[in-house]
Amino acid sequence: MHNDRVGERRQSIEADEISRRILLLRGQRVIIDSELARLYGVTTKRLNEAVKRNISRFPCDFMFRLTRVEADAVNRSQFATGSRKHRDPRFPPYAFLEHGAIQAANVLKSPRAIEMGVHVVRAFIRLRELLVSNKAFAQQLDELERKYQRHDKAIAAMLSTLRQLLNPAPPTSRGIGFTADVD
């Protein structure tokens, strides 16, 4: 039982570490080839060679090559991996989506790649769950805001009525009988 909790905690830590390496590019969550290679315990060159040998397993919805602008932005960001030092500048990095990361583990066939592939998938799943829960939370906030906007108007009207009751206007009616104002 204790070992199960330790294993779960280790998996959670690994998924958290991996999820920090996942970027949002072109509206999709991806992991750059150099980061994926590091996780799988191979060089970026070996990963990319395995991908090229099995390119039919990597359609455009599994993997895409970054543009120069995207590559420069990634290299300037906090996720800069130093991959430029060992990369031919003519070829920007690949970005792997969740299914592409799984396929990369499959084509590498190393035990480490297969083990880490599971953790990569868990990291993508965790990010997806966070996104869904954040959307649900945002929807609840919107509903509360709409609800309380109506309540604010109702509360303001009640307060106005209460103020009028507390400060009645002076009577404007005339007294009964004959009165004469003398200056």
C-alpha atoms as a PDB file:
ATOM      1  CA  MET A   1       0.000   0.000   0.000  1.00  0.00           C
ATOM      2  CA  HIS A   2       2.811   2.381   0.918  1.00  0.00           C
ATOM      3  CA  ASN A   3       4.637   1.511  -2.309  1.00  0.00           C
ATOM      4  CA  ASP A   4       1.499   2.336  -4.298  1.00  0.00           C
ATOM      5  CA  ARG A   5       1.348   5.842  -2.800  1.00  0.00           C
ATOM      6  CA  VAL A   6       5.057   6.387  -3.419  1.00  0.00           C
ATOM      7  CA  GLY A   7       4.622   5.230  -7.007  1.00  0.00           C
ATOM      8  CA  GLU A   8       1.618   7.504  -7.507  1.00  0.00           C
ATOM      9  CA  ARG A   9       3.510  10.458  -6.025  1.00  0.00           C
ATOM     10  CA  ARG A  10       6.499   9.754  -8.311  1.00  0.00           C
ATOM     11  CA  GLN A  11       4.203   9.551 -11.347  1.00  0.00           C
ATOM     12  CA  SER A  12       2.558  12.815 -10.315  1.00  0.00           C
ATOM     13  CA  ILE A  13       5.931  14.538  -9.966  1.00  0.00           C
ATOM     14  CA  GLU A  14       7.084  13.193 -13.324  1.00  0.00           C
ATOM     15  CA  ALA A  15       3.841  14.297 -14.995  1.00  0.00           C
ATOM     16  CA  ASP A  16       4.232  17.761 -13.428  1.00  0.00           C
ATOM     17  CA  GLU A  17       7.825  18.038 -14.661  1.00  0.00           C
ATOM     18  CA  ILE A  18       6.814  16.938 -18.132  1.00  0.00           C
ATOM     19  CA  SER A  19       3.800  19.260 -18.237  1.00  0.00           C
ATOM     20  CA  ARG A  20       6.174  22.205 -17.689  1.00  0.00           C
ATOM     21  CA  ARG A  21       7.866  21.251 -20.955  1.00  0.00           C
ATOM     22  CA  ILE A  22       4.606  21.233 -22.893  1.00  0.00           C
ATOM     23  CA  LEU A  23       4.037  24.424 -24.862  1.00  0.00           C
ATOM     24  CA  LEU A  24       1.029  25.973 -26.534  1.00  0.00           C
ATOM     25  CA  LEU A  25       1.762  26.529 -30.225  1.00  0.00           C
ATOM     26  CA  ARG A  26      -0.777  27.130 -32.965  1.00  0.00           C
ATOM     27  CA  GLY A  27      -3.498  26.625 -30.377  1.00  0.00           C
ATOM     28  CA  GLN A  28      -2.311  23.092 -29.556  1.00  0.00           C
ATOM     29  CA  ARG A  29      -0.285  21.581 -26.745  1.00  0.00           C
ATOM     30  CA  VAL A  30       3.039  20.293 -28.014  1.00  0.00           C
ATOM     31  CA  ILE A  31       6.430  19.186 -26.811  1.00  0.00           C
ATOM     32  CA  ILE A  32       9.529  20.165 -28.787  1.00  0.00           C
ATOM     33  CA  ASP A  33      11.686  17.383 -30.242  1.00  0.00           C
ATOM     34  CA  SER A  34      14.742  18.165 -28.087  1.00  0.00           C
ATOM     35  CA  GLU A  35      12.662  17.984 -24.890  1.00  0.00           C
ATOM     36  CA  LEU A  36      11.010  14.758 -26.007  1.00  0.00           C
ATOM     37  CA  ALA A  37      14.403  13.269 -26.894  1.00  0.00           C
ATOM     38  CA  ARG A  38      15.753  14.238 -23.467  1.00  0.00           C
ATOM     39  CA  LEU A  39      12.773  12.558 -21.773  1.00  0.00           C
ATOM     40  CA  TYR A  40      13.170   9.422 -23.868  1.00  0.00           C
ATOM     41  CA  GLY A  41      16.908   9.240 -23.185  1.00  0.00           C
ATOM     42  CA  VAL A  42      18.078   9.701 -26.778  1.00  0.00           C
ATOM     43  CA  THR A  43      19.660  12.502 -28.748  1.00  0.00           C
ATOM     44  CA  THR A  44      17.477  14.841 -30.768  1.00  0.00           C
ATOM     45  CA  LYS A  45      19.235  13.600 -33.879  1.00  0.00           C
ATOM     46  CA  ARG A  46      18.345   9.972 -33.099  1.00  0.00           C
ATOM     47  CA  LEU A  47      14.718  10.896 -32.377  1.00  0.00           C
ATOM     48  CA  ASN A  48      14.388  12.821 -35.635  1.00  0.00           C
ATOM     49  CA  GLU A  49      16.063  10.027 -37.608  1.00  0.00           C
ATOM     50  CA  ALA A  50      13.589   7.489 -36.178  1.00  0.00           C
ATOM     51  CA  VAL A  51      10.728   9.828 -37.072  1.00  0.00           C
ATOM     52  CA  LYS A  52      12.001  10.246 -40.655  1.00  0.00           C
ATOM     53  CA  ARG A  53      12.349   6.475 -41.064  1.00  0.00           C
ATOM     54  CA  ASN A  54       8.719   6.108 -39.949  1.00  0.00           C
ATOM     55  CA  ILE A  55       7.265   9.342 -41.326  1.00  0.00           C
ATOM     56  CA  SER A  56       3.989   7.635 -42.314  1.00  0.00           C
ATOM     57  CA  ARG A  57       3.266   7.221 -38.580  1.00  0.00           C
ATOM     58  CA  PHE A  58       3.445  10.983 -38.059  1.00  0.00           C
ATOM     59  CA  PRO A  59       0.656  12.791 -39.921  1.00  0.00           C
ATOM     60  CA  CYS A  60       0.343  16.567 -39.543  1.00  0.00           C
ATOM     61  CA  ASP A  61      -2.066  16.212 -36.620  1.00  0.00           C
ATOM     62  CA  PHE A  62       0.635  14.259 -34.714  1.00  0.00           C
ATOM     63  CA  MET A  63       3.646  16.450 -35.473  1.00  0.00           C
ATOM     64  CA  PHE A  64       4.663  19.592 -37.338  1.00  0.00           C
ATOM     65  CA  ARG A  65       7.822  21.568 -37.957  1.00  0.00           C
ATOM     66  CA  LEU A  66       8.041  24.981 -36.309  1.00  0.00           C
ATOM     67  CA  THR A  67       8.416  28.092 -38.421  1.00  0.00           C
ATOM     68  CA  ARG A  68      11.559  30.178 -37.932  1.00  0.00           C
ATOM     69  CA  VAL A  69       9.555  32.748 -35.966  1.00  0.00           C
ATOM     70  CA  GLU A  70       8.128  30.051 -33.673  1.00  0.00           C
ATOM     71  CA  ALA A  71      11.553  28.451 -33.220  1.00  0.00           C
ATOM     72  CA  ASP A  72      13.105  31.814 -32.323  1.00  0.00           C
ATOM     73  CA  ALA A  73      10.297  32.488 -29.843  1.00  0.00           C
ATOM     74  CA  VAL A  74      10.767  29.062 -28.231  1.00  0.00           C
ATOM     75  CA  ASN A  75      14.522  29.561 -28.006  1.00  0.00           C
ATOM     76  CA  ARG A  76      14.047  32.974 -26.346  1.00  0.00           C
ATOM     77  CA  SER A  77      11.410  31.700 -23.934  1.00  0.00           C
ATOM     78  CA  GLN A  78      11.874  30.139 -20.547  1.00  0.00           C
ATOM     79  CA  PHE A  79      11.676  26.776 -22.269  1.00  0.00           C
ATOM     80  CA  ALA A  80      14.816  27.390 -24.275  1.00  0.00           C
ATOM     81  CA  THR A  81      16.560  24.062 -24.402  1.00  0.00           C
ATOM     82  CA  GLY A  82      19.873  24.947 -25.904  1.00  0.00           C
ATOM     83  CA  SER A  83      18.944  22.727 -28.816  1.00  0.00           C
ATOM     84  CA  ARG A  84      20.262  25.344 -31.246  1.00  0.00           C
ATOM     85  CA  LYS A  85      23.843  24.428 -30.353  1.00  0.00           C
ATOM     86  CA  HIS A  86      23.471  20.943 -31.811  1.00  0.00           C
ATOM     87  CA  ARG A  87      20.848  21.610 -34.461  1.00  0.00           C
ATOM     88  CA  ASP A  88      21.412  22.435 -38.089  1.00  0.00           C
ATOM     89  CA  PRO A  89      20.006  25.996 -38.304  1.00  0.00           C
ATOM     90  CA  ARG A  90      18.379  25.197 -41.643  1.00  0.00           C
ATOM     91  CA  PHE A  91      15.934  22.847 -39.908  1.00  0.00           C
ATOM     92  CA  PRO A  92      13.707  24.242 -37.150  1.00  0.00           C
ATOM     93  CA  PRO A  93      12.572  21.788 -34.469  1.00  0.00           C
ATOM     94  CA  TYR A  94       9.600  19.493 -34.666  1.00  0.00           C
ATOM     95  CA  ALA A  95       6.657  19.924 -32.320  1.00  0.00           C
ATOM     96  CA  PHE A  96       4.949  16.713 -31.216  1.00  0.00           C
ATOM     97  CA  LEU A  97       1.323  16.627 -30.171  1.00  0.00           C
ATOM     98  CA  GLU A  98       0.151  14.006 -27.682  1.00  0.00           C
ATOM     99  CA  HIS A  99      -0.309  11.238 -30.249  1.00  0.00           C
ATOM    100  CA  GLY A 100       2.962  12.115 -31.934  1.00  0.00           C
ATOM    101  CA  ALA A 101       4.786  11.791 -28.610  1.00  0.00           C
ATOM    102  CA  ILE A 102       3.297   8.314 -28.172  1.00  0.00           C
ATOM    103  CA  GLN A 103       4.300   7.341 -31.705  1.00  0.00           C
ATOM    104  CA  ALA A 104       7.828   8.619 -31.069  1.00  0.00           C
ATOM    105  CA  ALA A 105       8.104   6.327 -28.051  1.00  0.00           C
ATOM    106  CA  ASN A 106       6.861   3.434 -30.190  1.00  0.00           C
ATOM    107  CA  VAL A 107       9.335   3.982 -33.014  1.00  0.00           C
ATOM    108  CA  LEU A 108      12.272   4.384 -30.615  1.00  0.00           C
ATOM    109  CA  LYS A 109      11.393   1.050 -28.966  1.00  0.00           C
ATOM    110  CA  SER A 110      13.723   1.614 -26.012  1.00  0.00           C
ATOM    111  CA  PRO A 111      12.423   0.657 -22.545  1.00  0.00           C
ATOM    112  CA  ARG A 112      13.021   4.212 -21.295  1.00  0.00           C
ATOM    113  CA  ALA A 113      11.087   5.715 -24.221  1.00  0.00           C
ATOM    114  CA  ILE A 114       8.164   3.372 -23.608  1.00  0.00           C
ATOM    115  CA  GLU A 115       8.161   4.102 -19.850  1.00  0.00           C
ATOM    116  CA  MET A 116       8.442   7.863 -20.321  1.00  0.00           C
ATOM    117  CA  GLY A 117       5.822   7.766 -23.087  1.00  0.00           C
ATOM    118  CA  VAL A 118       3.279   6.774 -20.453  1.00  0.00           C
ATOM    119  CA  HIS A 119       4.304   9.754 -18.307  1.00  0.00           C
ATOM    120  CA  VAL A 120       4.101  12.102 -21.289  1.00  0.00           C
ATOM    121  CA  VAL A 121       0.557  10.927 -22.006  1.00  0.00           C
ATOM    122  CA  ARG A 122      -0.364  11.465 -18.349  1.00  0.00           C
ATOM    123  CA  ALA A 123       1.029  14.993 -18.503  1.00  0.00           C
ATOM    124  CA  PHE A 124      -1.074  15.795 -21.586  1.00  0.00           C
ATOM    125  CA  ILE A 125      -4.147  14.316 -19.874  1.00  0.00           C
ATOM    126  CA  ARG A 126      -3.509  16.363 -16.732  1.00  0.00           C
ATOM    127  CA  LEU A 127      -3.265  19.560 -18.784  1.00  0.00           C
ATOM    128  CA  ARG A 128      -6.482  18.694 -20.611  1.00  0.00           C
ATOM    129  CA  GLU A 129      -8.262  18.083 -17.286  1.00  0.00           C
ATOM    130  CA  LEU A 130      -6.999  21.400 -15.941  1.00  0.00           C
ATOM    131  CA  LEU A 131      -8.286  23.170 -19.027  1.00  0.00           C
ATOM    132  CA  VAL A 132     -11.718  21.559 -18.667  1.00  0.00           C
ATOM    133  CA  SER A 133     -11.921  22.394 -14.960  1.00  0.00           C
ATOM    134  CA  ASN A 134     -10.805  25.976 -15.645  1.00  0.00           C
ATOM    135  CA  LYS A 135     -13.488  26.344 -18.309  1.00  0.00           C
ATOM    136  CA  ALA A 136     -16.129  24.995 -15.924  1.00  0.00           C
ATOM    137  CA  PHE A 137     -14.923  27.375 -13.217  1.00  0.00           C
ATOM    138  CA  ALA A 138     -15.021  30.315 -15.634  1.00  0.00           C
ATOM    139  CA  GLN A 139     -18.588  29.379 -16.640  1.00  0.00           C
ATOM    140  CA  GLN A 140     -19.637  29.288 -12.985  1.00  0.00           C
ATOM    141  CA  LEU A 141     -18.098  32.703 -12.425  1.00  0.00           C
ATOM    142  CA  ASP A 142     -19.957  34.083 -15.443  1.00  0.00           C
ATOM    143  CA  GLU A 143     -23.239  32.659 -14.140  1.00  0.00           C
ATOM    144  CA  LEU A 144     -22.653  34.150 -10.693  1.00  0.00           C
ATOM    145  CA  GLU A 145     -21.810  37.505 -12.216  1.00  0.00           C
ATOM    146  CA  ARG A 146     -24.995  37.520 -14.297  1.00  0.00           C
ATOM    147  CA  LYS A 147     -27.051  36.404 -11.305  1.00  0.00           C
ATOM    148  CA  TYR A 148     -25.650  39.028  -8.979  1.00  0.00           C
ATOM    149  CA  GLN A 149     -25.943  41.807 -11.549  1.00  0.00           C
ATOM    150  CA  ARG A 150     -29.716  41.282 -11.397  1.00  0.00           C
ATOM    151  CA  HIS A 151     -29.535  41.078  -7.618  1.00  0.00           C
ATOM    152  CA  ASP A 152     -27.489  44.278  -7.497  1.00  0.00           C
ATOM    153  CA  LYS A 153     -30.241  46.139  -9.330  1.00  0.00           C
ATOM    154  CA  ALA A 154     -32.889  44.673  -7.025  1.00  0.00           C
ATOM    155  CA  ILE A 155     -30.832  45.487  -3.929  1.00  0.00           C
ATOM    156  CA  ALA A 156     -30.231  49.033  -5.171  1.00  0.00           C
ATOM    157  CA  ALA A 157     -34.000  49.491  -5.702  1.00  0.00           C
ATOM    158  CA  MET A 158     -34.744  48.175  -2.195  1.00  0.00           C
ATOM    159  CA  LEU A 159     -32.149  50.489  -0.647  1.00  0.00           C
ATOM    160  CA  SER A 160     -33.609  53.440  -2.506  1.00  0.00           C
ATOM    161  CA  THR A 161     -37.081  52.585  -1.198  1.00  0.00           C
ATOM    162  CA  LEU A 162     -35.762  52.231   2.347  1.00  0.00           C
ATOM    163  CA  ARG A 163     -34.031  55.620   2.121  1.00  0.00           C
ATOM    164  CA  GLN A 164     -37.280  57.193   0.972  1.00  0.00           C
ATOM    165  CA  LEU A 165     -39.090  55.641   3.921  1.00  0.00           C
ATOM    166  CA  LEU A 166     -36.438  56.891   6.357  1.00  0.00           C
ATOM    167  CA  ASN A 167     -36.469  60.421   4.952  1.00  0.00           C
ATOM    168  CA  PRO A 168     -40.064  61.150   4.060  1.00  0.00           C
ATOM    169  CA  ALA A 169     -40.718  64.248   2.035  1.00  0.00           C
ATOM    170  CA  PRO A 170     -42.319  67.124   4.001  1.00  0.00           C
ATOM    171  CA  PRO A 171     -46.090  67.185   3.674  1.00  0.00           C
ATOM    172  CA  THR A 172     -47.316  69.482   0.929  1.00  0.00           C
ATOM    173  CA  SER A 173     -50.956  69.555   1.920  1.00  0.00           C
ATOM    174  CA  ARG A 174     -52.525  72.638   3.488  1.00  0.00           C
ATOM    175  CA  GLY A 175     -53.784  72.664   6.983  1.00  0.00           C
ATOM    176  CA  ILE A 176     -57.499  72.512   7.729  1.00  0.00           C
ATOM    177  CA  GLY A 177     -59.257  75.801   8.379  1.00  0.00           C
ATOM    178  CA  PHE A 178     -58.365  79.401   7.776  1.00  0.00           C
ATOM    179  CA  THR A 179     -54.747  80.398   8.308  1.00  0.00           C
ATOM    180  CA  ALA A 180     -53.193  83.677   7.568  1.00  0.00           C
ATOM    181  CA  ASP A 181     -49.527  84.167   7.084  1.00  0.00           C
ATOM    182  CA  VAL A 182     -48.336  87.410   8.563  1.00  0.00           C
ATOM    183  CA  ASP A 183     -45.022  88.805   7.582  1.00  0.00           C
END
